[in-house]
Amino acid sequence: MMISISWGEVLPVLVSIAILIAIAVLRHYSETLTAIASVMPLNVPLGIWIFMSAGDKTSADLTRFTEALLWNIIPTLIFLVLAWWLSRAGYSLFVVIGGGYVAWGAGLLMIALLRGML
């Protein structure tokens, strides 16, 4: 039995893996390049690509989806600010990442409540 591969679904995953490998390599050469590669828009275009490849999507669907992305980037910024603050205060990697995720979850909940999604 032959399995059919949908390259429209597989290619975004392969691109994200390639970028993660690039980040792992870059960390040996430049903190700045590693930081840039770490925050580059990776999941956003891949998410848009996957969303739009799901069938009969229109420009209006894309507009609604990108608006949701815009709102939901706010908790990610909160994650980064808290991670920076906790690392400056000398906390461990576990606390920095864990605290960042707690702040991200709280920010996501606030956005959902403000937008009437819950």
PDB file of N, CA and C in Angstrom:
ATOM      1  N   MET A   1       0.847  -1.185   0.000  1.00  0.00           N
ATOM      2  CA  MET A   1       0.000   0.000   0.000  1.00  0.00           C
ATOM      3  C   MET A   1       0.888   1.242   0.000  1.00  0.00           C
ATOM      4  N   MET A   2       0.631   2.124  -0.921  1.00  0.00           N
ATOM      5  CA  MET A   2       1.411   3.349  -1.065  1.00  0.00           C
ATOM      6  C   MET A   2       0.810   4.450  -0.203  1.00  0.00           C
ATOM      7  N   ILE A   3       1.664   5.133   0.557  1.00  0.00           N
ATOM      8  CA  ILE A   3       1.217   6.244   1.400  1.00  0.00           C
ATOM      9  C   ILE A   3       1.507   7.541   0.660  1.00  0.00           C
ATOM     10  N   SER A   4       0.496   8.386   0.580  1.00  0.00           N
ATOM     11  CA  SER A   4       0.640   9.675  -0.089  1.00  0.00           C
ATOM     12  C   SER A   4       1.049  10.738   0.930  1.00  0.00           C
ATOM     13  N   ILE A   5       2.081  11.495   0.604  1.00  0.00           N
ATOM     14  CA  ILE A   5       2.558  12.549   1.494  1.00  0.00           C
ATOM     15  C   ILE A   5       2.094  13.893   0.956  1.00  0.00           C
ATOM     16  N   SER A   6       1.480  14.669   1.826  1.00  0.00           N
ATOM     17  CA  SER A   6       1.078  16.021   1.459  1.00  0.00           C
ATOM     18  C   SER A   6       2.229  16.961   1.807  1.00  0.00           C
ATOM     19  N   TRP A   7       3.000  17.364   0.791  1.00  0.00           N
ATOM     20  CA  TRP A   7       4.165  18.213   1.031  1.00  0.00           C
ATOM     21  C   TRP A   7       3.778  19.562   1.604  1.00  0.00           C
ATOM     22  N   GLY A   8       2.558  20.014   1.356  1.00  0.00           N
ATOM     23  CA  GLY A   8       2.083  21.264   1.945  1.00  0.00           C
ATOM     24  C   GLY A   8       2.002  21.200   3.454  1.00  0.00           C
ATOM     25  N   GLU A   9       1.840  19.994   3.996  1.00  0.00           N
ATOM     26  CA  GLU A   9       1.802  19.816   5.449  1.00  0.00           C
ATOM     27  C   GLU A   9       3.162  19.430   6.014  1.00  0.00           C
ATOM     28  N   VAL A  10       3.956  18.697   5.242  1.00  0.00           N
ATOM     29  CA  VAL A  10       5.249  18.211   5.723  1.00  0.00           C
ATOM     30  C   VAL A  10       6.331  19.285   5.629  1.00  0.00           C
ATOM     31  N   LEU A  11       6.328  20.065   4.568  1.00  0.00           N
ATOM     32  CA  LEU A  11       7.380  21.055   4.350  1.00  0.00           C
ATOM     33  C   LEU A  11       7.523  22.063   5.489  1.00  0.00           C
ATOM     34  N   PRO A  12       6.425  22.606   6.046  1.00  0.00           N
ATOM     35  CA  PRO A  12       6.602  23.524   7.181  1.00  0.00           C
ATOM     36  C   PRO A  12       7.319  22.879   8.366  1.00  0.00           C
ATOM     37  N   VAL A  13       7.059  21.608   8.600  1.00  0.00           N
ATOM     38  CA  VAL A  13       7.724  20.907   9.702  1.00  0.00           C
ATOM     39  C   VAL A  13       9.213  20.766   9.401  1.00  0.00           C
ATOM     40  N   LEU A  14       9.547  20.416   8.174  1.00  0.00           N
ATOM     41  CA  LEU A  14      10.957  20.283   7.794  1.00  0.00           C
ATOM     42  C   LEU A  14      11.693  21.615   7.886  1.00  0.00           C
ATOM     43  N   VAL A  15      11.027  22.693   7.481  1.00  0.00           N
ATOM     44  CA  VAL A  15      11.632  24.029   7.587  1.00  0.00           C
ATOM     45  C   VAL A  15      11.898  24.368   9.050  1.00  0.00           C
ATOM     46  N   SER A  16      10.934  24.087   9.929  1.00  0.00           N
ATOM     47  CA  SER A  16      11.125  24.408  11.349  1.00  0.00           C
ATOM     48  C   SER A  16      12.260  23.586  11.949  1.00  0.00           C
ATOM     49  N   ILE A  17      12.388  22.325  11.556  1.00  0.00           N
ATOM     50  CA  ILE A  17      13.498  21.492  12.038  1.00  0.00           C
ATOM     51  C   ILE A  17      14.832  22.069  11.558  1.00  0.00           C
ATOM     52  N   ALA A  18      14.897  22.485  10.302  1.00  0.00           N
ATOM     53  CA  ALA A  18      16.132  23.073   9.762  1.00  0.00           C
ATOM     54  C   ALA A  18      16.519  24.337  10.525  1.00  0.00           C
ATOM     55  N   ILE A  19      15.543  25.153  10.876  1.00  0.00           N
ATOM     56  CA  ILE A  19      15.844  26.384  11.613  1.00  0.00           C
ATOM     57  C   ILE A  19      16.312  26.063  13.031  1.00  0.00           C
ATOM     58  N   LEU A  20      15.710  25.064  13.672  1.00  0.00           N
ATOM     59  CA  LEU A  20      16.173  24.659  15.007  1.00  0.00           C
ATOM     60  C   LEU A  20      17.613  24.152  14.958  1.00  0.00           C
ATOM     61  N   ILE A  21      17.953  23.403  13.930  1.00  0.00           N
ATOM     62  CA  ILE A  21      19.334  22.937  13.771  1.00  0.00           C
ATOM     63  C   ILE A  21      20.266  24.130  13.555  1.00  0.00           C
ATOM     64  N   ALA A  22      19.832  25.100  12.760  1.00  0.00           N
ATOM     65  CA  ALA A  22      20.642  26.305  12.535  1.00  0.00           C
ATOM     66  C   ALA A  22      20.883  27.047  13.843  1.00  0.00           C
ATOM     67  N   ILE A  23      19.873  27.126  14.695  1.00  0.00           N
ATOM     68  CA  ILE A  23      20.031  27.785  16.000  1.00  0.00           C
ATOM     69  C   ILE A  23      21.064  27.045  16.837  1.00  0.00           C
ATOM     70  N   ALA A  24      20.994  25.704  16.827  1.00  0.00           N
ATOM     71  CA  ALA A  24      21.953  24.906  17.597  1.00  0.00           C
ATOM     72  C   ALA A  24      23.381  25.131  17.103  1.00  0.00           C
ATOM     73  N   VAL A  25      23.559  25.288  15.811  1.00  0.00           N
ATOM     74  CA  VAL A  25      24.892  25.533  15.250  1.00  0.00           C
ATOM     75  C   VAL A  25      25.341  26.965  15.540  1.00  0.00           C
ATOM     76  N   LEU A  26      24.440  27.931  15.338  1.00  0.00           N
ATOM     77  CA  LEU A  26      24.787  29.344  15.532  1.00  0.00           C
ATOM     78  C   LEU A  26      25.228  29.656  16.958  1.00  0.00           C
ATOM     79  N   ARG A  27      24.706  28.931  17.933  1.00  0.00           N
ATOM     80  CA  ARG A  27      25.045  29.240  19.330  1.00  0.00           C
ATOM     81  C   ARG A  27      26.541  29.121  19.600  1.00  0.00           C
ATOM     82  N   HIS A  28      27.238  28.370  18.767  1.00  0.00           N
ATOM     83  CA  HIS A  28      28.689  28.219  18.927  1.00  0.00           C
ATOM     84  C   HIS A  28      29.460  29.412  18.364  1.00  0.00           C
ATOM     85  N   TYR A  29      28.801  30.245  17.576  1.00  0.00           N
ATOM     86  CA  TYR A  29      29.487  31.324  16.881  1.00  0.00           C
ATOM     87  C   TYR A  29      29.084  32.720  17.328  1.00  0.00           C
ATOM     88  N   SER A  30      27.804  32.918  17.639  1.00  0.00           N
ATOM     89  CA  SER A  30      27.358  34.271  17.937  1.00  0.00           C
ATOM     90  C   SER A  30      26.080  34.262  18.767  1.00  0.00           C
ATOM     91  N   GLU A  31      26.153  34.887  19.949  1.00  0.00           N
ATOM     92  CA  GLU A  31      24.946  35.026  20.771  1.00  0.00           C
ATOM     93  C   GLU A  31      23.906  35.881  20.060  1.00  0.00           C
ATOM     94  N   THR A  32      24.366  36.914  19.375  1.00  0.00           N
ATOM     95  CA  THR A  32      23.439  37.810  18.683  1.00  0.00           C
ATOM     96  C   THR A  32      22.692  37.076  17.576  1.00  0.00           C
ATOM     97  N   LEU A  33      23.417  36.335  16.736  1.00  0.00           N
ATOM     98  CA  LEU A  33      22.751  35.583  15.668  1.00  0.00           C
ATOM     99  C   LEU A  33      21.828  34.510  16.231  1.00  0.00           C
ATOM    100  N   THR A  34      22.240  33.884  17.328  1.00  0.00           N
ATOM    101  CA  THR A  34      21.384  32.886  17.966  1.00  0.00           C
ATOM    102  C   THR A  34      20.104  33.527  18.475  1.00  0.00           C
ATOM    103  N   ALA A  35      20.223  34.701  19.097  1.00  0.00           N
ATOM    104  CA  ALA A  35      19.035  35.403  19.600  1.00  0.00           C
ATOM    105  C   ALA A  35      18.120  35.815  18.453  1.00  0.00           C
ATOM    106  N   ILE A  36      18.710  36.314  17.370  1.00  0.00           N
ATOM    107  CA  ILE A  36      17.897  36.710  16.210  1.00  0.00           C
ATOM    108  C   ILE A  36      17.171  35.500  15.631  1.00  0.00           C
ATOM    109  N   ALA A  37      17.890  34.404  15.446  1.00  0.00           N
ATOM    110  CA  ALA A  37      17.264  33.194  14.896  1.00  0.00           C
ATOM    111  C   ALA A  37      16.203  32.634  15.838  1.00  0.00           C
ATOM    112  N   SER A  38      16.400  32.813  17.139  1.00  0.00           N
ATOM    113  CA  SER A  38      15.447  32.288  18.122  1.00  0.00           C
ATOM    114  C   SER A  38      14.121  33.024  18.114  1.00  0.00           C
ATOM    115  N   VAL A  39      14.136  34.303  17.766  1.00  0.00           N
ATOM    116  CA  VAL A  39      12.885  35.076  17.784  1.00  0.00           C
ATOM    117  C   VAL A  39      12.366  35.397  16.379  1.00  0.00           C
ATOM    118  N   MET A  40      13.028  34.868  15.370  1.00  0.00           N
ATOM    119  CA  MET A  40      12.540  35.148  14.018  1.00  0.00           C
ATOM    120  C   MET A  40      11.152  34.554  13.829  1.00  0.00           C
ATOM    121  N   PRO A  41      10.347  35.178  12.999  1.00  0.00           N
ATOM    122  CA  PRO A  41       9.001  34.661  12.770  1.00  0.00           C
ATOM    123  C   PRO A  41       9.065  33.292  12.099  1.00  0.00           C
ATOM    124  N   LEU A  42       8.985  32.258  12.907  1.00  0.00           N
ATOM    125  CA  LEU A  42       9.039  30.892  12.400  1.00  0.00           C
ATOM    126  C   LEU A  42       7.664  30.248  12.471  1.00  0.00           C
ATOM    127  N   ASN A  43       7.126  30.183  13.664  1.00  0.00           N
ATOM    128  CA  ASN A  43       5.823  29.543  13.825  1.00  0.00           C
ATOM    129  C   ASN A  43       4.707  30.341  13.167  1.00  0.00           C
ATOM    130  N   VAL A  44       4.838  31.657  13.134  1.00  0.00           N
ATOM    131  CA  VAL A  44       3.776  32.490  12.547  1.00  0.00           C
ATOM    132  C   VAL A  44       3.593  32.181  11.056  1.00  0.00           C
ATOM    133  N   PRO A  45       4.636  32.303  10.222  1.00  0.00           N
ATOM    134  CA  PRO A  45       4.402  31.985   8.810  1.00  0.00           C
ATOM    135  C   PRO A  45       4.054  30.518   8.580  1.00  0.00           C
ATOM    136  N   LEU A  46       4.653  29.625   9.376  1.00  0.00           N
ATOM    137  CA  LEU A  46       4.307  28.211   9.227  1.00  0.00           C
ATOM    138  C   LEU A  46       2.850  27.971   9.601  1.00  0.00           C
ATOM    139  N   GLY A  47       2.398  28.613  10.680  1.00  0.00           N
ATOM    140  CA  GLY A  47       0.995  28.489  11.081  1.00  0.00           C
ATOM    141  C   GLY A  47       0.055  29.042  10.027  1.00  0.00           C
ATOM    142  N   ILE A  48       0.413  30.194   9.459  1.00  0.00           N
ATOM    143  CA  ILE A  48      -0.404  30.784   8.388  1.00  0.00           C
ATOM    144  C   ILE A  48      -0.445  29.843   7.187  1.00  0.00           C
ATOM    145  N   TRP A  49       0.700  29.305   6.843  1.00  0.00           N
ATOM    146  CA  TRP A  49       0.808  28.392   5.708  1.00  0.00           C
ATOM    147  C   TRP A  49      -0.087  27.170   5.918  1.00  0.00           C
ATOM    148  N   ILE A  50       0.029  26.545   7.083  1.00  0.00           N
ATOM    149  CA  ILE A  50      -0.777  25.359   7.382  1.00  0.00           C
ATOM    150  C   ILE A  50      -2.261  25.715   7.417  1.00  0.00           C
ATOM    151  N   PHE A  51      -2.596  26.846   8.040  1.00  0.00           N
ATOM    152  CA  PHE A  51      -3.995  27.286   8.116  1.00  0.00           C
ATOM    153  C   PHE A  51      -4.579  27.472   6.716  1.00  0.00           C
ATOM    154  N   MET A  52      -3.855  28.162   5.859  1.00  0.00           N
ATOM    155  CA  MET A  52      -4.373  28.466   4.525  1.00  0.00           C
ATOM    156  C   MET A  52      -4.389  27.245   3.608  1.00  0.00           C
ATOM    157  N   SER A  53      -3.561  26.251   3.893  1.00  0.00           N
ATOM    158  CA  SER A  53      -3.536  25.058   3.041  1.00  0.00           C
ATOM    159  C   SER A  53      -4.641  24.072   3.409  1.00  0.00           C
ATOM    160  N   ALA A  54      -5.471  24.437   4.386  1.00  0.00           N
ATOM    161  CA  ALA A  54      -6.520  23.531   4.863  1.00  0.00           C
ATOM    162  C   ALA A  54      -7.746  23.497   3.960  1.00  0.00           C
ATOM    163  N   GLY A  55      -7.711  24.157   2.828  1.00  0.00           N
ATOM    164  CA  GLY A  55      -8.856  24.051   1.926  1.00  0.00           C
ATOM    165  C   GLY A  55      -9.345  25.383   1.422  1.00  0.00           C
ATOM    166  N   ASP A  56     -10.635  25.605   1.545  1.00  0.00           N
ATOM    167  CA  ASP A  56     -11.303  26.772   0.961  1.00  0.00           C
ATOM    168  C   ASP A  56     -11.167  28.013   1.829  1.00  0.00           C
ATOM    169  N   LYS A  57      -9.968  28.422   2.129  1.00  0.00           N
ATOM    170  CA  LYS A  57      -9.752  29.612   2.953  1.00  0.00           C
ATOM    171  C   LYS A  57      -9.792  30.859   2.085  1.00  0.00           C
ATOM    172  N   THR A  58     -10.383  31.898   2.624  1.00  0.00           N
ATOM    173  CA  THR A  58     -10.523  33.160   1.899  1.00  0.00           C
ATOM    174  C   THR A  58      -9.630  34.225   2.526  1.00  0.00           C
ATOM    175  N   SER A  59      -9.604  35.368   1.897  1.00  0.00           N
ATOM    176  CA  SER A  59      -8.874  36.505   2.446  1.00  0.00           C
ATOM    177  C   SER A  59      -9.450  36.911   3.801  1.00  0.00           C
ATOM    178  N   ALA A  60     -10.762  36.811   3.957  1.00  0.00           N
ATOM    179  CA  ALA A  60     -11.399  37.136   5.242  1.00  0.00           C
ATOM    180  C   ALA A  60     -10.960  36.153   6.327  1.00  0.00           C
ATOM    181  N   ASP A  61     -10.834  34.867   5.976  1.00  0.00           N
ATOM    182  CA  ASP A  61     -10.338  33.874   6.935  1.00  0.00           C
ATOM    183  C   ASP A  61      -8.913  34.214   7.359  1.00  0.00           C
ATOM    184  N   LEU A  62      -8.092  34.587   6.384  1.00  0.00           N
ATOM    185  CA  LEU A  62      -6.704  34.951   6.676  1.00  0.00           C
ATOM    186  C   LEU A  62      -6.642  36.181   7.571  1.00  0.00           C
ATOM    187  N   THR A  63      -7.513  37.144   7.326  1.00  0.00           N
ATOM    188  CA  THR A  63      -7.556  38.355   8.151  1.00  0.00           C
ATOM    189  C   THR A  63      -7.922  38.014   9.590  1.00  0.00           C
ATOM    190  N   ARG A  64      -8.935  37.184   9.782  1.00  0.00           N
ATOM    191  CA  ARG A  64      -9.331  36.783  11.145  1.00  0.00           C
ATOM    192  C   ARG A  64      -8.204  36.008  11.835  1.00  0.00           C
ATOM    193  N   PHE A  65      -7.571  35.116  11.090  1.00  0.00           N
ATOM    194  CA  PHE A  65      -6.499  34.308  11.669  1.00  0.00           C
ATOM    195  C   PHE A  65      -5.312  35.178  12.077  1.00  0.00           C
ATOM    196  N   THR A  66      -4.903  36.100  11.203  1.00  0.00           N
ATOM    197  CA  THR A  66      -3.761  36.951  11.543  1.00  0.00           C
ATOM    198  C   THR A  66      -4.104  37.919  12.671  1.00  0.00           C
ATOM    199  N   GLU A  67      -5.372  38.328  12.786  1.00  0.00           N
ATOM    200  CA  GLU A  67      -5.773  39.142  13.939  1.00  0.00           C
ATOM    201  C   GLU A  67      -5.625  38.341  15.229  1.00  0.00           C
ATOM    202  N   ALA A  68      -6.041  37.081  15.195  1.00  0.00           N
ATOM    203  CA  ALA A  68      -5.881  36.224  16.376  1.00  0.00           C
ATOM    204  C   ALA A  68      -4.401  36.059  16.717  1.00  0.00           C
ATOM    205  N   LEU A  69      -3.554  35.927  15.697  1.00  0.00           N
ATOM    206  CA  LEU A  69      -2.113  35.834  15.940  1.00  0.00           C
ATOM    207  C   LEU A  69      -1.590  37.098  16.607  1.00  0.00           C
ATOM    208  N   LEU A  70      -2.050  38.235  16.122  1.00  0.00           N
ATOM    209  CA  LEU A  70      -1.606  39.509  16.688  1.00  0.00           C
ATOM    210  C   LEU A  70      -1.967  39.607  18.164  1.00  0.00           C
ATOM    211  N   TRP A  71      -3.193  39.280  18.512  1.00  0.00           N
ATOM    212  CA  TRP A  71      -3.603  39.312  19.918  1.00  0.00           C
ATOM    213  C   TRP A  71      -2.796  38.320  20.753  1.00  0.00           C
ATOM    214  N   ASN A  72      -2.550  37.140  20.196  1.00  0.00           N
ATOM    215  CA  ASN A  72      -1.916  36.081  20.974  1.00  0.00           C
ATOM    216  C   ASN A  72      -0.403  36.182  21.039  1.00  0.00           C
ATOM    217  N   ILE A  73       0.189  37.176  20.373  1.00  0.00           N
ATOM    218  CA  ILE A  73       1.624  37.412  20.534  1.00  0.00           C
ATOM    219  C   ILE A  73       1.896  38.150  21.845  1.00  0.00           C
ATOM    220  N   ILE A  74       0.893  38.836  22.373  1.00  0.00           N
ATOM    221  CA  ILE A  74       1.061  39.607  23.614  1.00  0.00           C
ATOM    222  C   ILE A  74       1.519  38.717  24.770  1.00  0.00           C
ATOM    223  N   PRO A  75       0.894  37.552  25.014  1.00  0.00           N
ATOM    224  CA  PRO A  75       1.402  36.690  26.090  1.00  0.00           C
ATOM    225  C   PRO A  75       2.842  36.225  25.863  1.00  0.00           C
ATOM    226  N   THR A  76       3.243  36.073  24.613  1.00  0.00           N
ATOM    227  CA  THR A  76       4.628  35.693  24.326  1.00  0.00           C
ATOM    228  C   THR A  76       5.583  36.812  24.717  1.00  0.00           C
ATOM    229  N   LEU A  77       5.198  38.049  24.459  1.00  0.00           N
ATOM    230  CA  LEU A  77       6.018  39.185  24.893  1.00  0.00           C
ATOM    231  C   LEU A  77       6.097  39.240  26.415  1.00  0.00           C
ATOM    232  N   ILE A  78       4.985  38.948  27.085  1.00  0.00           N
ATOM    233  CA  ILE A  78       4.985  38.891  28.552  1.00  0.00           C
ATOM    234  C   ILE A  78       5.949  37.809  29.027  1.00  0.00           C
ATOM    235  N   PHE A  79       5.935  36.638  28.365  1.00  0.00           N
ATOM    236  CA  PHE A  79       6.871  35.552  28.673  1.00  0.00           C
ATOM    237  C   PHE A  79       8.308  36.064  28.604  1.00  0.00           C
ATOM    238  N   LEU A  80       8.646  36.746  27.508  1.00  0.00           N
ATOM    239  CA  LEU A  80      10.019  37.220  27.321  1.00  0.00           C
ATOM    240  C   LEU A  80      10.426  38.266  28.350  1.00  0.00           C
ATOM    241  N   VAL A  81       9.529  39.186  28.656  1.00  0.00           N
ATOM    242  CA  VAL A  81       9.846  40.222  29.651  1.00  0.00           C
ATOM    243  C   VAL A  81      10.092  39.585  31.009  1.00  0.00           C
ATOM    244  N   LEU A  82       9.226  38.665  31.416  1.00  0.00           N
ATOM    245  CA  LEU A  82       9.410  38.023  32.720  1.00  0.00           C
ATOM    246  C   LEU A  82      10.664  37.145  32.726  1.00  0.00           C
ATOM    247  N   ALA A  83      10.922  36.420  31.633  1.00  0.00           N
ATOM    248  CA  ALA A  83      12.131  35.591  31.563  1.00  0.00           C
ATOM    249  C   ALA A  83      13.379  36.463  31.695  1.00  0.00           C
ATOM    250  N   TRP A  84      13.384  37.601  31.035  1.00  0.00           N
ATOM    251  CA  TRP A  84      14.514  38.529  31.142  1.00  0.00           C
ATOM    252  C   TRP A  84      14.650  39.031  32.575  1.00  0.00           C
ATOM    253  N   TRP A  85      13.546  39.433  33.179  1.00  0.00           N
ATOM    254  CA  TRP A  85      13.573  39.955  34.544  1.00  0.00           C
ATOM    255  C   TRP A  85      14.051  38.884  35.530  1.00  0.00           C
ATOM    256  N   LEU A  86      13.537  37.666  35.417  1.00  0.00           N
ATOM    257  CA  LEU A  86      13.942  36.585  36.327  1.00  0.00           C
ATOM    258  C   LEU A  86      15.415  36.228  36.133  1.00  0.00           C
ATOM    259  N   SER A  87      15.886  36.218  34.895  1.00  0.00           N
ATOM    260  CA  SER A  87      17.301  35.899  34.672  1.00  0.00           C
ATOM    261  C   SER A  87      18.203  37.000  35.218  1.00  0.00           C
ATOM    262  N   ARG A  88      17.777  38.257  35.092  1.00  0.00           N
ATOM    263  CA  ARG A  88      18.546  39.364  35.678  1.00  0.00           C
ATOM    264  C   ARG A  88      18.610  39.250  37.187  1.00  0.00           C
ATOM    265  N   ALA A  89      17.540  38.709  37.783  1.00  0.00           N
ATOM    266  CA  ALA A  89      17.493  38.553  39.234  1.00  0.00           C
ATOM    267  C   ALA A  89      18.280  37.329  39.702  1.00  0.00           C
ATOM    268  N   GLY A  90      18.829  36.548  38.767  1.00  0.00           N
ATOM    269  CA  GLY A  90      19.692  35.437  39.127  1.00  0.00           C
ATOM    270  C   GLY A  90      19.001  34.097  39.303  1.00  0.00           C
ATOM    271  N   TYR A  91      17.774  33.977  38.854  1.00  0.00           N
ATOM    272  CA  TYR A  91      17.058  32.706  39.003  1.00  0.00           C
ATOM    273  C   TYR A  91      17.591  31.666  38.026  1.00  0.00           C
ATOM    274  N   SER A  92      17.331  30.393  38.345  1.00  0.00           N
ATOM    275  CA  SER A  92      17.798  29.280  37.523  1.00  0.00           C
ATOM    276  C   SER A  92      17.011  29.200  36.213  1.00  0.00           C
ATOM    277  N   LEU A  93      17.553  28.436  35.284  1.00  0.00           N
ATOM    278  CA  LEU A  93      16.896  28.230  33.997  1.00  0.00           C
ATOM    279  C   LEU A  93      15.483  27.680  34.180  1.00  0.00           C
ATOM    280  N   PHE A  94      15.325  26.724  35.091  1.00  0.00           N
ATOM    281  CA  PHE A  94      14.008  26.127  35.345  1.00  0.00           C
ATOM    282  C   PHE A  94      13.007  27.186  35.794  1.00  0.00           C
ATOM    283  N   VAL A  95      13.411  28.052  36.709  1.00  0.00           N
ATOM    284  CA  VAL A  95      12.517  29.107  37.213  1.00  0.00           C
ATOM    285  C   VAL A  95      12.229  30.124  36.109  1.00  0.00           C
ATOM    286  N   VAL A  96      13.246  30.474  35.328  1.00  0.00           N
ATOM    287  CA  VAL A  96      13.064  31.445  34.243  1.00  0.00           C
ATOM    288  C   VAL A  96      12.047  30.922  33.224  1.00  0.00           C
ATOM    289  N   ILE A  97      12.231  29.683  32.776  1.00  0.00           N
ATOM    290  CA  ILE A  97      11.313  29.116  31.783  1.00  0.00           C
ATOM    291  C   ILE A  97       9.948  28.831  32.401  1.00  0.00           C
ATOM    292  N   GLY A  98       9.935  28.236  33.600  1.00  0.00           N
ATOM    293  CA  GLY A  98       8.661  27.944  34.268  1.00  0.00           C
ATOM    294  C   GLY A  98       7.866  29.203  34.563  1.00  0.00           C
ATOM    295  N   GLY A  99       8.543  30.214  35.092  1.00  0.00           N
ATOM    296  CA  GLY A  99       7.877  31.488  35.370  1.00  0.00           C
ATOM    297  C   GLY A  99       7.369  32.143  34.102  1.00  0.00           C
ATOM    298  N   GLY A 100       8.157  32.042  33.038  1.00  0.00           N
ATOM    299  CA  GLY A 100       7.735  32.589  31.750  1.00  0.00           C
ATOM    300  C   GLY A 100       6.465  31.925  31.249  1.00  0.00           C
ATOM    301  N   TYR A 101       6.391  30.600  31.391  1.00  0.00           N
ATOM    302  CA  TYR A 101       5.188  29.890  30.942  1.00  0.00           C
ATOM    303  C   TYR A 101       3.978  30.201  31.811  1.00  0.00           C
ATOM    304  N   VAL A 102       4.188  30.368  33.101  1.00  0.00           N
ATOM    305  CA  VAL A 102       3.068  30.756  33.975  1.00  0.00           C
ATOM    306  C   VAL A 102       2.545  32.131  33.545  1.00  0.00           C
ATOM    307  N   ALA A 103       3.465  33.061  33.301  1.00  0.00           N
ATOM    308  CA  ALA A 103       3.065  34.402  32.857  1.00  0.00           C
ATOM    309  C   ALA A 103       2.388  34.336  31.491  1.00  0.00           C
ATOM    310  N   TRP A 104       2.906  33.495  30.599  1.00  0.00           N
ATOM    311  CA  TRP A 104       2.306  33.323  29.280  1.00  0.00           C
ATOM    312  C   TRP A 104       0.876  32.800  29.404  1.00  0.00           C
ATOM    313  N   GLY A 105       0.691  31.781  30.239  1.00  0.00           N
ATOM    314  CA  GLY A 105      -0.651  31.227  30.439  1.00  0.00           C
ATOM    315  C   GLY A 105      -1.610  32.250  31.022  1.00  0.00           C
ATOM    316  N   ALA A 106      -1.132  33.025  31.996  1.00  0.00           N
ATOM    317  CA  ALA A 106      -1.977  34.070  32.593  1.00  0.00           C
ATOM    318  C   ALA A 106      -2.316  35.134  31.548  1.00  0.00           C
ATOM    319  N   GLY A 107      -1.341  35.506  30.731  1.00  0.00           N
ATOM    320  CA  GLY A 107      -1.585  36.482  29.670  1.00  0.00           C
ATOM    321  C   GLY A 107      -2.573  35.958  28.641  1.00  0.00           C
ATOM    322  N   LEU A 108      -2.443  34.689  28.288  1.00  0.00           N
ATOM    323  CA  LEU A 108      -3.370  34.072  27.341  1.00  0.00           C
ATOM    324  C   LEU A 108      -4.788  34.055  27.902  1.00  0.00           C
ATOM    325  N   LEU A 109      -4.905  33.733  29.179  1.00  0.00           N
ATOM    326  CA  LEU A 109      -6.215  33.738  29.838  1.00  0.00           C
ATOM    327  C   LEU A 109      -6.810  35.143  29.834  1.00  0.00           C
ATOM    328  N   MET A 110      -5.990  36.151  30.144  1.00  0.00           N
ATOM    329  CA  MET A 110      -6.484  37.537  30.139  1.00  0.00           C
ATOM    330  C   MET A 110      -6.954  37.959  28.746  1.00  0.00           C
ATOM    331  N   ILE A 111      -6.186  37.611  27.726  1.00  0.00           N
ATOM    332  CA  ILE A 111      -6.576  37.943  26.348  1.00  0.00           C
ATOM    333  C   ILE A 111      -7.895  37.253  26.002  1.00  0.00           C
ATOM    334  N   ALA A 112      -8.012  35.977  26.363  1.00  0.00           N
ATOM    335  CA  ALA A 112      -9.245  35.236  26.069  1.00  0.00           C
ATOM    336  C   ALA A 112     -10.438  35.858  26.782  1.00  0.00           C
ATOM    337  N   LEU A 113     -10.248  36.260  28.030  1.00  0.00           N
ATOM    338  CA  LEU A 113     -11.346  36.893  28.773  1.00  0.00           C
ATOM    339  C   LEU A 113     -11.707  38.247  28.169  1.00  0.00           C
ATOM    340  N   LEU A 114     -10.701  39.036  27.823  1.00  0.00           N
ATOM    341  CA  LEU A 114     -10.948  40.351  27.225  1.00  0.00           C
ATOM    342  C   LEU A 114     -11.653  40.248  25.874  1.00  0.00           C
ATOM    343  N   ARG A 115     -11.325  39.231  25.119  1.00  0.00           N
ATOM    344  CA  ARG A 115     -11.929  39.061  23.792  1.00  0.00           C
ATOM    345  C   ARG A 115     -13.231  38.279  23.853  1.00  0.00           C
ATOM    346  N   GLY A 116     -13.660  37.890  25.069  1.00  0.00           N
ATOM    347  CA  GLY A 116     -14.925  37.182  25.232  1.00  0.00           C
ATOM    348  C   GLY A 116     -14.903  35.753  24.727  1.00  0.00           C
ATOM    349  N   MET A 117     -13.710  35.146  24.733  1.00  0.00           N
ATOM    350  CA  MET A 117     -13.590  33.780  24.236  1.00  0.00           C
ATOM    351  C   MET A 117     -13.874  32.747  25.314  1.00  0.00           C
ATOM    352  N   LEU A 118     -13.897  33.168  26.571  1.00  0.00           N
ATOM    353  CA  LEU A 118     -14.186  32.234  27.671  1.00  0.00           C
ATOM    354  C   LEU A 118     -15.434  32.659  28.392  1.00  0.00           C
TER     355      LEU A 118
END
